[in-house]
PDB file of N, CA and C in Angstrom:
ATOM      1  N   MET A   1      57.167  49.765 113.771  1.00  0.00           N
ATOM      2  CA  MET A   1      58.341  50.555 114.019  1.00  0.00           C
ATOM      3  C   MET A   1      58.003  52.019 113.759  1.00  0.00           C
ATOM      4  N   THR A   2      58.526  52.860 114.606  1.00  0.00           N
ATOM      5  CA  THR A   2      58.331  54.299 114.456  1.00  0.00           C
ATOM      6  C   THR A   2      59.662  54.947 114.099  1.00  0.00           C
ATOM      7  N   ILE A   3      59.627  55.799 113.095  1.00  0.00           N
ATOM      8  CA  ILE A   3      60.834  56.518 112.688  1.00  0.00           C
ATOM      9  C   ILE A   3      60.563  58.005 112.844  1.00  0.00           C
ATOM     10  N   LEU A   4      61.399  58.665 113.639  1.00  0.00           N
ATOM     11  CA  LEU A   4      61.285  60.103 113.844  1.00  0.00           C
ATOM     12  C   LEU A   4      62.428  60.781 113.103  1.00  0.00           C
ATOM     13  N   HIS A   5      62.087  61.632 112.160  1.00  0.00           N
ATOM     14  CA  HIS A   5      63.106  62.343 111.396  1.00  0.00           C
ATOM     15  C   HIS A   5      63.385  63.686 112.067  1.00  0.00           C
ATOM     16  N   GLU A   6      64.606  63.862 112.509  1.00  0.00           N
ATOM     17  CA  GLU A   6      65.009  65.058 113.255  1.00  0.00           C
ATOM     18  C   GLU A   6      64.715  66.335 112.489  1.00  0.00           C
ATOM     19  N   ARG A   7      64.954  66.339 111.196  1.00  0.00           N
ATOM     20  CA  ARG A   7      64.740  67.550 110.395  1.00  0.00           C
ATOM     21  C   ARG A   7      63.275  67.983 110.438  1.00  0.00           C
ATOM     22  N   GLU A   8      62.345  67.039 110.299  1.00  0.00           N
ATOM     23  CA  GLU A   8      60.921  67.361 110.323  1.00  0.00           C
ATOM     24  C   GLU A   8      60.497  67.895 111.687  1.00  0.00           C
ATOM     25  N   ILE A   9      61.058  67.317 112.747  1.00  0.00           N
ATOM     26  CA  ILE A   9      60.736  67.789 114.096  1.00  0.00           C
ATOM     27  C   ILE A   9      61.340  69.175 114.315  1.00  0.00           C
ATOM     28  N   ARG A  10      62.617  69.325 114.000  1.00  0.00           N
ATOM     29  CA  ARG A  10      63.322  70.592 114.225  1.00  0.00           C
ATOM     30  C   ARG A  10      62.697  71.750 113.454  1.00  0.00           C
ATOM     31  N   LYS A  11      62.288  71.503 112.217  1.00  0.00           N
ATOM     32  CA  LYS A  11      61.717  72.562 111.378  1.00  0.00           C
ATOM     33  C   LYS A  11      60.197  72.657 111.484  1.00  0.00           C
ATOM     34  N   SER A  12      59.596  71.788 112.295  1.00  0.00           N
ATOM     35  CA  SER A  12      58.139  71.764 112.497  1.00  0.00           C
ATOM     36  C   SER A  12      57.379  71.652 111.179  1.00  0.00           C
ATOM     37  N   ILE A  13      57.827  70.720 110.325  1.00  0.00           N
ATOM     38  CA  ILE A  13      57.127  70.482 109.067  1.00  0.00           C
ATOM     39  C   ILE A  13      56.344  69.183 109.167  1.00  0.00           C
ATOM     40  N   ALA A  14      55.384  69.016 108.275  1.00  0.00           N
ATOM     41  CA  ALA A  14      54.498  67.847 108.309  1.00  0.00           C
ATOM     42  C   ALA A  14      55.297  66.560 108.441  1.00  0.00           C
ATOM     43  N   PRO A  15      54.865  65.681 109.271  1.00  0.00           N
ATOM     44  CA  PRO A  15      53.640  65.666 110.076  1.00  0.00           C
ATOM     45  C   PRO A  15      53.793  66.333 111.441  1.00  0.00           C
ATOM     46  N   PHE A  16      54.862  67.072 111.662  1.00  0.00           N
ATOM     47  CA  PHE A  16      55.132  67.696 112.957  1.00  0.00           C
ATOM     48  C   PHE A  16      54.837  69.194 112.966  1.00  0.00           C
ATOM     49  N   ASN A  17      54.000  69.675 112.054  1.00  0.00           N
ATOM     50  CA  ASN A  17      53.711  71.103 112.000  1.00  0.00           C
ATOM     51  C   ASN A  17      52.936  71.602 113.222  1.00  0.00           C
ATOM     52  N   ILE A  18      52.361  70.704 113.999  1.00  0.00           N
ATOM     53  CA  ILE A  18      51.709  71.090 115.250  1.00  0.00           C
ATOM     54  C   ILE A  18      52.728  71.679 116.231  1.00  0.00           C
ATOM     55  N   LEU A  19      54.014  71.366 116.022  1.00  0.00           N
ATOM     56  CA  LEU A  19      55.067  71.841 116.919  1.00  0.00           C
ATOM     57  C   LEU A  19      55.400  73.313 116.725  1.00  0.00           C
ATOM     58  N   GLN A  20      54.716  73.986 115.823  1.00  0.00           N
ATOM     59  CA  GLN A  20      54.899  75.427 115.674  1.00  0.00           C
ATOM     60  C   GLN A  20      54.349  76.161 116.894  1.00  0.00           C
ATOM     61  N   ASN A  21      53.446  75.514 117.612  1.00  0.00           N
ATOM     62  CA  ASN A  21      52.923  76.048 118.861  1.00  0.00           C
ATOM     63  C   ASN A  21      53.951  75.774 119.950  1.00  0.00           C
ATOM     64  N   ALA A  22      54.466  76.822 120.597  1.00  0.00           N
ATOM     65  CA  ALA A  22      55.563  76.698 121.568  1.00  0.00           C
ATOM     66  C   ALA A  22      55.223  75.783 122.742  1.00  0.00           C
ATOM     67  N   LYS A  23      54.004  75.859 123.253  1.00  0.00           N
ATOM     68  CA  LYS A  23      53.611  75.008 124.386  1.00  0.00           C
ATOM     69  C   LYS A  23      53.550  73.544 123.972  1.00  0.00           C
ATOM     70  N   VAL A  24      53.001  73.287 122.810  1.00  0.00           N
ATOM     71  CA  VAL A  24      52.928  71.914 122.306  1.00  0.00           C
ATOM     72  C   VAL A  24      54.329  71.384 122.055  1.00  0.00           C
ATOM     73  N   ARG A  25      55.188  72.208 121.462  1.00  0.00           N
ATOM     74  CA  ARG A  25      56.568  71.804 121.174  1.00  0.00           C
ATOM     75  C   ARG A  25      57.319  71.435 122.454  1.00  0.00           C
ATOM     76  N   GLN A  26      57.212  72.278 123.484  1.00  0.00           N
ATOM     77  CA  GLN A  26      57.902  72.012 124.748  1.00  0.00           C
ATOM     78  C   GLN A  26      57.414  70.715 125.376  1.00  0.00           C
ATOM     79  N   SER A  27      56.117  70.511 125.372  1.00  0.00           N
ATOM     80  CA  SER A  27      55.545  69.285 125.921  1.00  0.00           C
ATOM     81  C   SER A  27      56.022  68.063 125.135  1.00  0.00           C
ATOM     82  N   PHE A  28      56.012  68.159 123.820  1.00  0.00           N
ATOM     83  CA  PHE A  28      56.455  67.056 122.960  1.00  0.00           C
ATOM     84  C   PHE A  28      57.916  66.706 123.234  1.00  0.00           C
ATOM     85  N   ILE A  29      58.781  67.709 123.263  1.00  0.00           N
ATOM     86  CA  ILE A  29      60.213  67.474 123.481  1.00  0.00           C
ATOM     87  C   ILE A  29      60.456  66.878 124.867  1.00  0.00           C
ATOM     88  N   THR A  30      59.762  67.379 125.870  1.00  0.00           N
ATOM     89  CA  THR A  30      59.911  66.862 127.231  1.00  0.00           C
ATOM     90  C   THR A  30      59.488  65.396 127.306  1.00  0.00           C
ATOM     91  N   GLU A  31      58.321  65.077 126.750  1.00  0.00           N
ATOM     92  CA  GLU A  31      57.826  63.705 126.790  1.00  0.00           C
ATOM     93  C   GLU A  31      58.679  62.770 125.940  1.00  0.00           C
ATOM     94  N   LEU A  32      59.109  63.223 124.787  1.00  0.00           N
ATOM     95  CA  LEU A  32      59.967  62.407 123.931  1.00  0.00           C
ATOM     96  C   LEU A  32      61.302  62.116 124.616  1.00  0.00           C
ATOM     97  N   SER A  33      61.864  63.114 125.265  1.00  0.00           N
ATOM     98  CA  SER A  33      63.128  62.927 125.993  1.00  0.00           C
ATOM     99  C   SER A  33      62.973  61.891 127.100  1.00  0.00           C
ATOM    100  N   GLN A  34      61.850  61.939 127.800  1.00  0.00           N
ATOM    101  CA  GLN A  34      61.597  60.978 128.877  1.00  0.00           C
ATOM    102  C   GLN A  34      61.440  59.563 128.313  1.00  0.00           C
ATOM    103  N   ILE A  35      60.721  59.421 127.221  1.00  0.00           N
ATOM    104  CA  ILE A  35      60.546  58.111 126.585  1.00  0.00           C
ATOM    105  C   ILE A  35      61.891  57.540 126.164  1.00  0.00           C
ATOM    106  N   ILE A  36      62.714  58.359 125.540  1.00  0.00           N
ATOM    107  CA  ILE A  36      64.028  57.901 125.076  1.00  0.00           C
ATOM    108  C   ILE A  36      64.908  57.508 126.258  1.00  0.00           C
ATOM    109  N   ALA A  37      64.873  58.278 127.327  1.00  0.00           N
ATOM    110  CA  ALA A  37      65.694  57.989 128.505  1.00  0.00           C
ATOM    111  C   ALA A  37      65.311  56.664 129.154  1.00  0.00           C
ATOM    112  N   GLU A  38      64.037  56.303 129.094  1.00  0.00           N
ATOM    113  CA  GLU A  38      63.547  55.111 129.780  1.00  0.00           C
ATOM    114  C   GLU A  38      63.449  53.870 128.899  1.00  0.00           C
ATOM    115  N   ALA A  39      63.517  54.011 127.603  1.00  0.00           N
ATOM    116  CA  ALA A  39      63.250  52.889 126.702  1.00  0.00           C
ATOM    117  C   ALA A  39      64.512  52.149 126.277  1.00  0.00           C
ATOM    118  N   PRO A  40      64.428  50.818 126.269  1.00  0.00           N
ATOM    119  CA  PRO A  40      65.519  50.058 125.670  1.00  0.00           C
ATOM    120  C   PRO A  40      65.331  50.098 124.141  1.00  0.00           C
ATOM    121  N   PHE A  41      66.336  50.509 123.419  1.00  0.00           N
ATOM    122  CA  PHE A  41      66.197  50.605 121.971  1.00  0.00           C
ATOM    123  C   PHE A  41      67.565  50.499 121.313  1.00  0.00           C
ATOM    124  N   THR A  42      67.523  50.294 120.020  1.00  0.00           N
ATOM    125  CA  THR A  42      68.728  50.270 119.205  1.00  0.00           C
ATOM    126  C   THR A  42      68.712  51.509 118.334  1.00  0.00           C
ATOM    127  N   LEU A  43      69.793  52.265 118.378  1.00  0.00           N
ATOM    128  CA  LEU A  43      69.925  53.472 117.578  1.00  0.00           C
ATOM    129  C   LEU A  43      70.744  53.139 116.338  1.00  0.00           C
ATOM    130  N   VAL A  44      70.195  53.474 115.183  1.00  0.00           N
ATOM    131  CA  VAL A  44      70.895  53.233 113.925  1.00  0.00           C
ATOM    132  C   VAL A  44      71.101  54.595 113.260  1.00  0.00           C
ATOM    133  N   ALA A  45      72.347  54.928 112.983  1.00  0.00           N
ATOM    134  CA  ALA A  45      72.650  56.193 112.326  1.00  0.00           C
ATOM    135  C   ALA A  45      73.364  55.902 110.999  1.00  0.00           C
ATOM    136  N   SER A  46      73.091  56.745 110.035  1.00  0.00           N
ATOM    137  CA  SER A  46      73.762  56.579 108.746  1.00  0.00           C
ATOM    138  C   SER A  46      74.051  57.950 108.142  1.00  0.00           C
ATOM    139  N   CYS A  47      75.012  57.980 107.255  1.00  0.00           N
ATOM    140  CA  CYS A  47      75.321  59.212 106.537  1.00  0.00           C
ATOM    141  C   CYS A  47      75.918  58.843 105.187  1.00  0.00           C
ATOM    142  N   ARG A  48      75.885  59.799 104.320  1.00  0.00           N
ATOM    143  CA  ARG A  48      76.464  59.560 102.997  1.00  0.00           C
ATOM    144  C   ARG A  48      77.712  60.370 102.835  1.00  0.00           C
TER     145      ARG A  48
END
């Protein structure tokens, strides 16, 4: 199972610090959006 934490991606902190590069970030977001659009998955959200 893969868990992507939005805060780490949005702030480009480890392990997503490579996203500080604008070209890499754009490519990552584009590809991730395509994967999410095409994949069957279950979304689980929680809050306190």
